[in-house]
């Protein structure tokens, strides 16, 4: 009987110990899963690139395929780059933990809705980029949480200009908000398509569309009720991507552009138009970009540059014209570039004849401009010569066999001088005119002096 009791106690202890071990194991597995979730968030944050430039902290999460904003990002982030992801909705409090944020780049996502409290807590934000998304409507409410906002980009969204957009349009049109919402345009209704939100009469937004005329004949199938709208040339903001941090950049690379787009934003400092199909620069192509400091036009098909193409670019410091089809510069092309420091010219078929002299002359009188790639491509006798060496040979004394007459140089020179003197001495007799009194009719002699 005593043995039986001992056996029962042992069995009970074994069952209880197994249960405890199972609970403990479960607890450990739960802890591992918890660490796994934290690790996933950490790994996701680590996929972004964090760096410091000019004392400011940047978190670059572009092109990460993000569909939402995960928690755990560094709270000291001042500039957050989220372009080219898959964000669709900005929900309340999404960025509330990033209280030091100064710029937020959300362009080229799929954003179609912004909740009223999406930007709550961002008291320091001064730049917000929402262009190239799917926004049709937005109220002023999300912007009220941004007292320091100075730059707002909203263009290239399919804005439905109706009564729901009224408060936003009136906010954008406040005179002190001159950098908010520039270039954004209505997509619909048809009668307002193409109108800029900054210039649209807000009273039109809540007007009902005109009623259809009951007596009007029905529209035949396949025919539009209105003639198609005239297509206007696309401007820079719809063709290119704008970045404000770390410095204002207009990125127009690989857009198959045939010309420099219109309406370049005036605050752009750097513009990249490389790898396009531009053949000619027209007068004042960059007139609106007066603060431009770096211009990249490499790898286009440039054949000619108008003498006024760079007019107004007084602060341009770097100009890249490499890998084009340029053979020479017309006289005056570079005259407005007072502060140019670097000029890239390689990969062009420079023709070494008299037409190349202007470029060499300008570079000689601007020794502070570092240049590269100025090499002769034709004619064949000067192939691969530095253009400066060709100009030196051009300015050297002519060989004797090329002199005029081919004989005695001194005699030829005297004869030439005599002929020139005879040409420069001209006498004209004023014909008698009956109206003039005879004392005024006199022989007049003119001598023309040629200055070297």
Protein backbone atom coordinates (compact mmCIF):
# COMPACT_ATOMS: atom_id res chain seq x y z
CA UNK A 1 0.00 0.00 0.00
CA UNK A 2 2.83 2.40 0.81
CA UNK A 3 4.54 1.49 -2.43
CA UNK A 4 1.37 2.31 -4.38
CA UNK A 5 1.14 5.81 -2.80
CA UNK A 6 4.75 6.58 -3.70
CA UNK A 7 4.09 5.57 -7.29
CA UNK A 8 1.05 7.89 -7.52
CA UNK A 9 3.04 10.84 -6.16
CA UNK A 10 5.80 10.24 -8.72
CA UNK A 11 3.28 10.16 -11.56
CA UNK A 12 1.71 13.44 -10.39
CA UNK A 13 5.13 15.10 -10.23
CA UNK A 14 5.97 13.94 -13.74
CA UNK A 15 2.70 15.32 -15.16
CA UNK A 16 3.11 18.69 -13.42
CA UNK A 17 6.74 19.00 -14.53
CA UNK A 18 5.82 18.27 -18.15
CA UNK A 19 3.10 20.90 -18.07
CA UNK A 20 5.54 23.46 -16.66
CA UNK A 21 8.09 22.61 -19.30
CA UNK A 22 5.45 22.99 -22.03
CA UNK A 23 4.41 26.37 -20.66
CA UNK A 24 8.03 27.43 -20.38
CA UNK A 25 8.76 26.26 -23.90
CA UNK A 26 5.69 28.08 -25.16
CA UNK A 27 6.82 31.21 -23.37
CA UNK A 28 10.25 30.93 -24.94
CA UNK A 29 8.76 30.40 -28.37
CA UNK A 30 6.58 33.47 -27.85
CA UNK A 31 9.64 35.46 -26.86
CA UNK A 32 11.45 34.31 -30.00
CA UNK A 33 8.52 35.32 -32.12
CA UNK A 34 8.53 38.71 -30.41
CA UNK A 35 12.22 39.13 -31.14
CA UNK A 36 11.53 38.08 -34.72
CA UNK A 37 8.96 40.83 -35.19
CA UNK A 38 11.29 43.43 -33.69
CA UNK A 39 14.07 42.08 -35.86
CA UNK A 40 11.89 42.40 -38.97
CA UNK A 41 11.19 46.04 -38.19
CA UNK A 42 14.86 46.63 -37.54
CA UNK A 43 15.87 44.92 -40.76
CA UNK A 44 13.32 46.98 -42.68
CA UNK A 45 14.75 50.16 -41.19
CA UNK A 46 18.26 48.95 -41.98
CA UNK A 47 17.34 48.58 -45.65
CA UNK A 48 17.04 52.36 -45.76
CA UNK A 49 20.18 54.43 -45.97
CA UNK A 50 20.84 56.90 -43.18
CA UNK A 51 23.49 59.56 -43.64
CA UNK A 52 24.45 63.06 -42.53
CA UNK A 53 25.07 65.89 -44.97
CA UNK A 54 25.88 69.47 -43.95
CA UNK A 55 24.99 68.57 -40.38
CA UNK A 56 21.47 67.35 -41.30
CA UNK A 57 20.26 63.74 -40.87
CA UNK A 58 18.74 62.00 -43.92
CA UNK A 59 16.87 58.69 -44.13
CA UNK A 60 16.70 57.48 -47.73
CA UNK A 61 13.95 54.87 -48.18
CA UNK A 62 13.34 55.40 -51.89
CA UNK A 63 12.52 52.45 -54.19
CA UNK A 64 11.85 50.03 -51.30
CA UNK A 65 8.39 48.82 -52.35
CA UNK A 66 6.87 50.09 -49.07
CA UNK A 67 3.09 49.93 -48.77
CA UNK A 68 2.98 51.48 -45.28
CA UNK A 69 5.21 53.43 -42.88
CA UNK A 70 6.67 50.99 -40.32
CA UNK A 71 7.45 52.09 -36.74
CA UNK A 72 10.96 52.21 -35.35
CA UNK A 73 12.62 54.68 -37.67
CA UNK A 74 15.18 57.01 -36.03
CA UNK A 75 13.42 59.88 -34.30
CA UNK A 76 16.23 62.30 -35.07
CA UNK A 77 15.56 62.07 -38.84
CA UNK A 78 15.30 65.54 -40.38
CA UNK A 79 14.80 64.62 -44.06
CA UNK A 80 12.79 61.53 -45.03
CA UNK A 81 12.92 60.35 -48.67
CA UNK A 82 10.07 57.98 -49.59
CA UNK A 83 9.81 58.52 -53.34
CA UNK A 84 8.92 55.69 -55.72
CA UNK A 85 7.25 53.35 -53.24
CA UNK A 86 3.69 51.93 -53.16
CA UNK A 87 2.06 54.02 -50.46
CA UNK A 88 -1.67 54.47 -51.07
CA UNK A 89 -3.10 56.11 -47.92
CA UNK A 90 -1.50 58.46 -45.39
CA UNK A 91 -3.27 57.72 -42.13
CA UNK A 92 -3.62 59.84 -38.97
CA UNK A 93 -0.40 60.08 -36.96
CA UNK A 94 1.73 58.31 -39.57
CA UNK A 95 4.74 60.53 -38.93
CA UNK A 96 3.94 61.71 -35.39
CA UNK A 97 7.12 60.16 -33.91
CA UNK A 98 9.38 62.08 -36.33
CA UNK A 99 9.05 65.43 -34.63
CA UNK A 100 12.31 66.82 -36.01
CA UNK A 101 11.32 66.21 -39.63
CA UNK A 102 12.01 69.21 -41.89
CA UNK A 103 11.34 67.77 -45.34
CA UNK A 104 9.19 64.86 -46.50
CA UNK A 105 9.44 63.47 -50.03
CA UNK A 106 6.41 61.33 -50.99
CA UNK A 107 6.41 61.83 -54.75
CA UNK A 108 5.85 59.04 -57.27
CA UNK A 109 3.79 56.82 -54.99
CA UNK A 110 0.17 55.64 -55.38
CA UNK A 111 -1.29 57.98 -52.76
CA UNK A 112 -4.99 58.62 -53.32
CA UNK A 113 -6.08 59.71 -49.81
CA UNK A 114 -4.56 61.82 -47.04
CA UNK A 115 -6.37 61.72 -43.69
CA UNK A 116 -6.78 64.96 -41.77
CA UNK A 117 -4.23 64.04 -39.07
CA UNK A 118 -1.62 62.47 -41.34
CA UNK A 119 0.97 65.19 -40.66
CA UNK A 120 0.15 65.77 -36.98
CA UNK A 121 3.21 66.54 -34.89
CA UNK A 122 5.36 67.81 -37.79
CA UNK A 123 5.78 71.33 -36.44
CA UNK A 124 9.21 71.74 -38.08
CA UNK A 125 8.29 70.55 -41.59
CA UNK A 126 8.99 73.13 -44.30
CA UNK A 127 8.98 71.02 -47.50
CA UNK A 128 6.34 68.49 -48.56
CA UNK A 129 6.47 66.76 -51.97
CA UNK A 130 3.26 65.02 -53.08
CA UNK A 131 3.57 65.32 -56.85
CA UNK A 132 3.08 62.40 -59.24
CA UNK A 133 0.52 60.55 -57.11
CA UNK A 134 -3.19 59.72 -57.51
CA UNK A 135 -4.74 62.50 -55.46
CA UNK A 136 -8.09 63.73 -56.72
CA UNK A 137 -9.14 65.68 -53.65
CA UNK A 138 -7.52 67.18 -50.57
CA UNK A 139 -8.78 69.62 -47.95
CA UNK A 140 -6.75 72.24 -46.12
CA UNK A 141 -7.11 70.30 -42.85
CA UNK A 142 -3.93 68.16 -43.17
CA UNK A 143 -1.92 71.32 -43.84
CA UNK A 144 -3.05 73.12 -40.71
CA UNK A 145 -0.65 70.94 -38.69
CA UNK A 146 2.30 72.38 -40.66
CA UNK A 147 2.83 75.97 -39.46
CA UNK A 148 6.32 76.22 -41.03
CA UNK A 149 5.42 74.78 -44.44
CA UNK A 150 7.06 76.80 -47.22
CA UNK A 151 7.24 74.41 -50.18
CA UNK A 152 4.36 72.18 -51.30
CA UNK A 153 4.38 70.27 -54.58
CA UNK A 154 1.03 68.93 -55.81
CA UNK A 155 1.33 68.80 -59.60
CA UNK A 156 0.86 65.69 -61.76
CA UNK A 157 -2.12 64.52 -59.71
CA UNK A 158 -5.59 63.99 -61.30
CA UNK A 159 -7.27 66.83 -59.38
CA UNK A 160 -11.06 66.87 -59.55
CA UNK A 161 -11.85 70.58 -59.31
CA UNK A 162 -15.16 70.48 -57.52
CA UNK A 163 -16.57 71.77 -54.23
CA UNK A 164 -14.46 69.37 -52.14
CA UNK A 165 -11.31 71.14 -53.33
CA UNK A 166 -12.56 74.60 -52.36
CA UNK A 167 -10.69 74.98 -49.04
CA UNK A 168 -7.40 73.78 -50.52
CA UNK A 169 -7.59 76.15 -53.50
CA UNK A 170 -8.35 79.13 -51.27
CA UNK A 171 -5.38 78.19 -49.04
CA UNK A 172 -3.00 77.95 -52.00
CA UNK A 173 -4.09 81.36 -53.25
CA UNK A 174 -3.23 83.21 -50.04
CA UNK A 175 -0.50 85.70 -51.11
CA UNK A 176 1.95 84.55 -48.43
CA UNK A 177 1.72 80.97 -49.76
CA UNK A 178 3.42 81.72 -53.04
CA UNK A 179 5.45 78.45 -53.02
CA UNK A 180 2.52 76.18 -52.20
CA UNK A 181 0.91 74.17 -54.97
CA UNK A 182 2.59 75.79 -57.96
CA UNK A 183 1.91 74.09 -61.34
CA UNK A 184 -0.92 71.85 -60.04
CA UNK A 185 -3.78 71.71 -62.57
CA UNK A 186 -7.34 70.48 -62.80
CA UNK A 187 -7.87 67.17 -64.54
CA UNK A 188 -11.67 67.40 -64.46
CA UNK A 189 -14.37 68.56 -65.06
CA UNK A 190 -13.85 69.14 -68.75
CA UNK A 191 -14.53 72.88 -68.63
CA UNK A 192 -11.79 73.39 -66.01
CA UNK A 193 -9.19 70.98 -67.33
CA UNK A 194 -5.74 72.54 -67.51
CA UNK A 195 -6.56 75.43 -65.15
CA UNK A 196 -3.94 75.99 -62.46
CA UNK A 197 -5.17 75.71 -58.89
CA UNK A 198 -3.22 78.84 -57.97
CA UNK A 199 -5.11 80.93 -60.53
CA UNK A 200 -8.48 79.21 -60.63
CA UNK A 201 -11.49 81.26 -59.48
CA UNK A 202 -12.57 79.41 -56.35
CA UNK A 203 -16.21 80.37 -56.91
CA UNK A 204 -16.26 78.10 -59.98
CA UNK A 205 -15.59 74.98 -57.92
CA UNK A 206 -19.03 74.76 -56.37
CA UNK A 207 -20.96 75.79 -59.46
CA UNK A 208 -23.20 73.10 -60.92
CA UNK A 209 -22.41 72.17 -64.54
CA UNK A 210 -24.73 73.83 -67.05
CA UNK A 211 -27.87 71.75 -67.69
CA UNK A 212 -28.12 69.95 -70.97
CA UNK A 213 -30.34 71.54 -73.59
CA UNK A 214 -33.43 69.29 -73.96
CA UNK A 215 -33.97 70.56 -77.52
CA UNK A 216 -30.39 69.85 -78.62
CA UNK A 217 -30.10 67.00 -81.13
CA UNK A 218 -28.62 63.79 -79.71
CA UNK A 219 -24.93 63.24 -80.20
CA UNK A 220 -24.28 60.65 -82.92
CA UNK A 221 -22.48 57.51 -81.68
CA UNK A 222 -18.74 57.80 -81.88
CA UNK A 223 -18.73 61.63 -81.88
CA UNK A 224 -17.55 63.73 -78.96
CA UNK A 225 -19.99 66.43 -77.80
CA UNK A 226 -17.15 68.98 -77.67
CA UNK A 227 -14.14 69.45 -79.94
CA UNK A 228 -10.98 67.96 -78.46
CA UNK A 229 -8.92 70.30 -76.33
CA UNK A 230 -5.83 71.83 -77.90
CA UNK A 231 -2.73 70.04 -76.67
CA UNK A 232 -0.26 72.40 -75.06
CA UNK A 233 3.44 71.59 -74.77
CA UNK A 234 4.14 69.85 -71.50
CA UNK A 235 6.09 71.86 -68.96
CA UNK A 236 9.08 70.81 -66.91
CA UNK A 237 7.06 69.89 -63.82
CA UNK A 238 4.97 67.32 -65.68
CA UNK A 239 7.87 65.86 -67.67
CA UNK A 240 10.55 65.74 -64.96
CA UNK A 241 10.89 64.95 -61.27
CA UNK A 242 11.64 67.67 -58.71
CA UNK A 243 13.66 67.10 -55.56
CA UNK A 244 14.17 69.73 -52.87
CA UNK A 245 16.68 67.95 -50.64
CA UNK A 246 19.57 68.03 -50.21
CA UNK A 247 19.35 70.79 -52.87
CA UNK A 248 16.68 71.72 -55.45
CA UNK A 249 17.14 69.34 -58.41
CA UNK A 250 15.12 68.93 -61.60
CA UNK A 251 15.74 65.41 -62.91
CA UNK A 252 14.88 65.09 -66.62
CA UNK A 253 17.19 62.19 -67.47
CA UNK A 254 16.12 59.62 -70.09
CA UNK A 255 12.75 61.24 -70.92
CA UNK A 256 13.23 61.17 -74.69
CA UNK A 257 12.95 64.96 -74.74
CA UNK A 258 13.32 66.71 -78.09
CA UNK A 259 13.53 70.19 -76.58
CA UNK A 260 14.11 71.94 -73.26
CA UNK A 261 10.74 71.91 -71.44
CA UNK A 262 9.02 75.15 -70.55
CA UNK A 263 8.32 76.64 -67.11
CA UNK A 264 11.43 75.45 -65.27
CA UNK A 265 10.81 76.23 -61.57
CA UNK A 266 12.77 79.35 -60.60
CA UNK A 267 14.23 77.85 -57.42
CA UNK A 268 16.01 74.99 -59.20
CA UNK A 269 19.77 74.94 -58.51
CA UNK A 270 20.74 71.75 -60.39
CA UNK A 271 19.21 70.44 -63.62
CA UNK A 272 20.03 67.09 -65.22
CA UNK A 273 18.84 66.68 -68.83
CA UNK A 274 21.31 63.99 -69.88
CA UNK A 275 20.45 61.05 -72.14
CA UNK A 276 17.71 62.68 -74.21
CA UNK A 277 17.30 63.60 -77.90
CA UNK A 278 17.67 67.39 -77.83
CA UNK A 279 19.26 68.65 -81.06
CA UNK A 280 19.15 72.40 -80.59
CA UNK A 281 19.10 74.90 -77.74
CA UNK A 282 16.77 77.79 -78.50
CA UNK A 283 17.01 81.41 -77.32
CA UNK A 284 16.35 81.83 -73.58
CA UNK A 285 15.61 78.15 -73.01
CA UNK A 286 16.63 78.54 -69.36
CA UNK A 287 15.40 82.10 -68.75
CA UNK A 288 13.22 81.16 -65.76
CA UNK A 289 16.01 79.25 -63.98
CA UNK A 290 18.02 82.25 -62.88
CA UNK A 291 19.50 80.46 -59.83
CA UNK A 292 20.80 77.49 -61.82
CA UNK A 293 24.33 76.49 -60.82
CA UNK A 294 24.78 73.06 -62.46
CA UNK A 295 23.45 72.08 -65.90
CA UNK A 296 24.01 68.64 -67.42
CA UNK A 297 23.20 68.32 -71.14
CA UNK A 298 25.46 65.36 -71.86
CA UNK A 299 24.53 62.43 -74.12
CA UNK A 300 21.96 64.26 -76.20
CA UNK A 301 22.09 64.97 -79.95
CA UNK A 302 23.04 68.64 -79.69
CA UNK A 303 24.18 70.08 -83.01
CA UNK A 304 23.75 73.82 -82.44
CA UNK A 305 23.36 76.29 -79.59
CA UNK A 306 21.72 79.66 -80.13
CA UNK A 307 23.76 82.64 -79.00
CA UNK A 308 21.04 83.52 -76.47
CA UNK A 309 20.43 79.97 -75.19
CA UNK A 310 22.19 80.59 -71.86
CA UNK A 311 20.93 84.15 -71.41
CA UNK A 312 20.21 84.90 -67.76
CA UNK A 313 22.32 82.08 -66.29
CA UNK A 314 24.59 84.48 -64.44
CA UNK A 315 25.31 82.05 -61.60
CA UNK A 316 25.96 78.88 -63.63
CA UNK A 317 29.15 77.20 -62.42
CA UNK A 318 29.16 73.78 -64.11
CA UNK A 319 28.09 73.02 -67.70
CA UNK A 320 28.33 69.52 -69.17
CA UNK A 321 28.02 69.35 -72.99
CA UNK A 322 29.92 66.09 -73.47
CA UNK A 323 28.89 63.31 -75.85
CA UNK A 324 26.87 65.40 -78.29
CA UNK A 325 27.25 66.34 -81.97
CA UNK A 326 28.73 69.83 -81.56
CA UNK A 327 31.33 70.96 -84.12
CA UNK A 328 31.80 74.59 -83.02
CA UNK A 329 30.22 77.41 -80.99
CA UNK A 330 28.72 80.47 -82.58
CA UNK A 331 30.25 83.74 -81.50
CA UNK A 332 28.61 84.90 -78.25
CA UNK A 333 27.26 81.59 -76.91
CA UNK A 334 29.24 81.77 -73.66
CA UNK A 335 29.12 85.51 -73.02
CA UNK A 336 26.52 85.37 -70.20
CA UNK A 337 28.36 82.72 -68.17
CA UNK A 338 30.32 85.06 -65.92
CA UNK A 339 30.88 82.62 -63.04
CA UNK A 340 31.44 79.38 -64.97
CA UNK A 341 34.07 77.16 -63.33
CA UNK A 342 33.83 73.85 -65.19
CA UNK A 343 33.04 73.08 -68.85
CA UNK A 344 32.92 69.48 -70.13
CA UNK A 345 33.30 69.21 -73.92
CA UNK A 346 34.50 65.65 -74.60
CA UNK A 347 32.85 63.27 -77.05
CA UNK A 348 31.95 65.95 -79.64
CA UNK A 349 33.15 65.97 -83.28
CA UNK A 350 34.94 69.33 -83.07
CA UNK A 351 35.83 70.67 -86.51
CA UNK A 352 39.19 72.42 -86.54
CA UNK A 353 38.78 75.33 -88.91
CA UNK A 354 38.24 79.04 -88.40
CA UNK A 355 34.80 78.48 -86.80
CA UNK A 356 36.39 76.88 -83.69
CA UNK A 357 38.43 80.00 -82.90
CA UNK A 358 35.73 81.69 -80.80
CA UNK A 359 35.63 78.84 -78.28
CA UNK A 360 39.42 78.78 -77.91
CA UNK A 361 39.54 82.58 -77.66
CA UNK A 362 36.89 82.59 -74.91
CA UNK A 363 38.68 79.89 -72.91
CA UNK A 364 41.98 81.74 -73.25
CA UNK A 365 40.45 84.88 -71.76
CA UNK A 366 38.73 82.90 -68.96
CA UNK A 367 41.63 80.95 -67.39
CA UNK A 368 39.56 80.16 -64.31
CA UNK A 369 37.31 77.81 -66.32
CA UNK A 370 38.52 74.19 -66.12
CA UNK A 371 37.68 72.49 -69.42
CA UNK A 372 38.23 69.06 -70.92
CA UNK A 373 37.67 67.09 -74.12
CA UNK A 374 38.44 69.77 -76.73
CA UNK A 375 40.04 67.58 -79.42
CA UNK A 376 39.86 67.84 -83.23
CA UNK A 377 37.79 65.23 -85.06
CA UNK A 378 38.11 66.70 -88.55
CA UNK A 379 39.62 67.44 -90.99
CA UNK A 380 41.69 64.28 -91.14
CA UNK A 381 45.04 66.09 -91.03
CA UNK A 382 44.25 67.38 -87.52
CA UNK A 383 42.54 64.25 -86.16
CA UNK A 384 43.06 63.86 -82.38
CA UNK A 385 44.97 67.13 -82.14
CA UNK A 386 44.19 69.33 -79.14
CA UNK A 387 42.22 72.24 -80.54
CA UNK A 388 44.61 74.70 -78.89
CA UNK A 389 47.53 73.20 -80.87
CA UNK A 390 45.60 73.54 -84.12
CA UNK A 391 44.92 77.23 -83.42
CA UNK A 392 48.65 77.80 -82.81
CA UNK A 393 49.51 76.39 -86.23
CA UNK A 394 46.75 78.46 -87.81
CA UNK A 395 48.24 81.64 -86.39
CA UNK A 396 51.80 80.78 -87.46
CA UNK A 397 53.43 82.49 -90.46
CA UNK A 398 52.19 81.29 -93.84
CA UNK A 399 54.71 79.12 -95.75
CA UNK A 400 56.33 80.79 -98.79
CA UNK A 401 54.71 78.45 -101.31
CA UNK A 402 51.29 79.65 -100.15
CA UNK A 403 52.01 83.35 -100.49
CA UNK A 404 50.19 85.39 -103.13
CA UNK A 405 51.98 85.38 -106.52
CA UNK A 406 54.55 82.76 -105.55
CA UNK A 407 57.45 85.06 -106.62
CA UNK A 408 59.44 87.74 -104.89
CA UNK A 409 57.66 88.45 -101.64
CA UNK A 410 58.95 92.02 -101.33
CA UNK A 411 57.82 92.96 -104.86
CA UNK A 412 54.46 91.36 -104.29
CA UNK A 413 54.11 93.26 -101.06
CA UNK A 414 54.97 96.60 -102.67
CA UNK A 415 52.55 95.96 -105.52
CA UNK A 416 49.83 95.02 -103.10
CA UNK A 417 50.42 98.14 -101.03
CA UNK A 418 50.32 100.32 -104.14
CA UNK A 419 47.06 98.79 -105.32
CA UNK A 420 45.56 99.17 -101.84
CA UNK A 421 46.58 102.81 -101.68
CA UNK A 422 44.97 103.44 -105.05
CA UNK A 423 41.76 101.79 -103.87
CA UNK A 424 41.68 103.78 -100.66
CA UNK A 425 42.15 107.09 -102.46
CA UNK A 426 38.83 108.08 -104.00
CA UNK A 427 37.70 111.29 -105.55
CA UNK A 428 34.12 112.18 -106.20
CA UNK A 429 32.86 115.11 -108.13
CA UNK A 430 29.53 116.47 -107.13
CA UNK A 431 27.41 116.81 -110.19
CA UNK A 432 25.96 120.18 -110.98
CA UNK A 433 22.51 120.53 -109.61
CA UNK A 434 20.41 123.47 -110.72
CA UNK A 435 18.96 124.01 -107.31
CA UNK A 436 22.30 124.71 -105.58
CA UNK A 437 24.13 128.03 -106.04
CA UNK A 438 27.37 127.81 -108.00
CA UNK A 439 29.77 128.56 -105.05
CA UNK A 440 28.59 125.32 -103.36
CA UNK A 441 29.43 123.26 -106.40
CA UNK A 442 32.96 122.18 -105.64
CA UNK A 443 35.20 119.17 -105.94
CA UNK A 444 35.30 117.02 -102.80
CA UNK A 445 38.05 114.56 -101.96
CA UNK A 446 37.61 111.67 -99.49
CA UNK A 447 40.44 109.62 -98.07
CA UNK A 448 39.66 106.27 -96.45
CA UNK A 449 42.10 105.04 -93.85
CA UNK A 450 41.94 101.35 -92.89
CA UNK A 451 42.76 100.59 -89.27
CA UNK A 452 44.31 97.25 -88.46
